[in-house]
Amino acid sequence: ATGGGYTYVEIEADGGKKWIAGPETHVKEGDTVQWQGGSMMYNFTSKALNRKFDQILFVSGIYPAK
């Protein structure tokens, strides 16, 4: 999902599902991605998506995995 200048991506990593957010980029369901950097936010509410995330990792970039 995209909103407020960010792309929000639900990923599967470390045996579970997690959310990351980074600068707007094109990602479609089923894509394998990698990311750079990150700062964890807890109880974050996205006004653009009208959704609260228990935890979400804000990253400096989301890229197709090589």
Protein backbone atom coordinates (compact mmCIF):
# COMPACT_ATOMS: atom_id res chain seq x y z
CA ALA A 1 0.00 0.00 0.00
CA THR A 2 1.16 3.52 -0.66
CA GLY A 3 0.26 6.59 1.34
CA GLY A 4 1.75 9.79 2.69
CA GLY A 5 4.89 9.43 0.55
CA TYR A 6 5.66 5.92 1.83
CA THR A 7 5.23 2.39 0.54
CA TYR A 8 4.09 -0.08 3.20
CA VAL A 9 5.03 -3.73 2.60
CA GLU A 10 4.11 -6.80 4.61
CA ILE A 11 7.07 -9.17 4.43
CA GLU A 12 7.77 -12.70 5.56
CA ALA A 13 11.06 -12.85 7.45
CA ASP A 14 12.52 -14.68 10.43
CA GLY A 15 9.63 -17.14 10.45
CA GLY A 16 6.86 -14.56 10.63
CA LYS A 17 5.12 -11.65 8.96
CA LYS A 18 6.33 -8.11 9.58
CA TRP A 19 5.73 -4.65 8.15
CA ILE A 20 8.28 -2.30 6.63
CA ALA A 21 7.80 1.17 5.18
CA GLY A 22 10.09 3.17 2.93
CA PRO A 23 10.11 5.81 0.22
CA GLU A 24 7.43 5.33 -2.44
CA THR A 25 8.40 2.49 -4.75
CA HIS A 26 6.60 -0.03 -6.95
CA VAL A 27 6.18 -3.41 -5.25
CA LYS A 28 3.62 -6.03 -6.14
CA GLU A 29 2.35 -9.00 -4.16
CA GLY A 30 4.74 -11.93 -4.38
CA ASP A 31 7.84 -9.80 -5.08
CA THR A 32 10.98 -10.66 -3.13
CA VAL A 33 12.50 -7.50 -1.69
CA GLN A 34 15.46 -6.33 0.31
CA TRP A 35 15.79 -3.10 2.26
CA GLN A 36 18.41 -0.80 3.62
CA GLY A 37 18.70 0.78 7.04
CA GLY A 38 15.85 0.94 9.45
CA SER A 39 14.35 2.32 12.60
CA MET A 40 11.64 0.39 14.47
CA MET A 41 8.50 2.25 15.47
CA TYR A 42 5.98 0.85 17.93
CA ASN A 43 2.24 1.62 18.04
CA PHE A 44 2.55 3.72 14.87
CA THR A 45 -0.62 5.13 13.31
CA SER A 46 -0.56 5.91 9.59
CA LYS A 47 -3.05 8.69 8.95
CA ALA A 48 -2.71 8.13 5.18
CA LEU A 49 -3.76 4.46 5.52
CA ASN A 50 -6.01 5.00 8.56
CA ARG A 51 -4.29 2.05 10.21
CA LYS A 52 -2.29 1.35 13.36
CA PHE A 53 0.78 -0.90 13.28
CA ASP A 54 1.92 -2.59 16.51
CA GLN A 55 5.44 -2.39 15.10
CA ILE A 56 6.81 -1.30 11.75
CA LEU A 57 10.36 -0.87 10.47
CA PHE A 58 10.93 2.41 8.60
CA VAL A 59 13.73 1.85 6.09
CA SER A 60 15.70 4.14 3.79
CA GLY A 61 14.96 2.05 0.69
CA ILE A 62 13.07 -1.00 -0.59
CA TYR A 63 14.57 -2.78 -3.61
CA PRO A 64 13.98 -5.95 -5.66
CA ALA A 65 16.07 -8.78 -4.17
CA LYS A 66 19.03 -9.89 -6.27
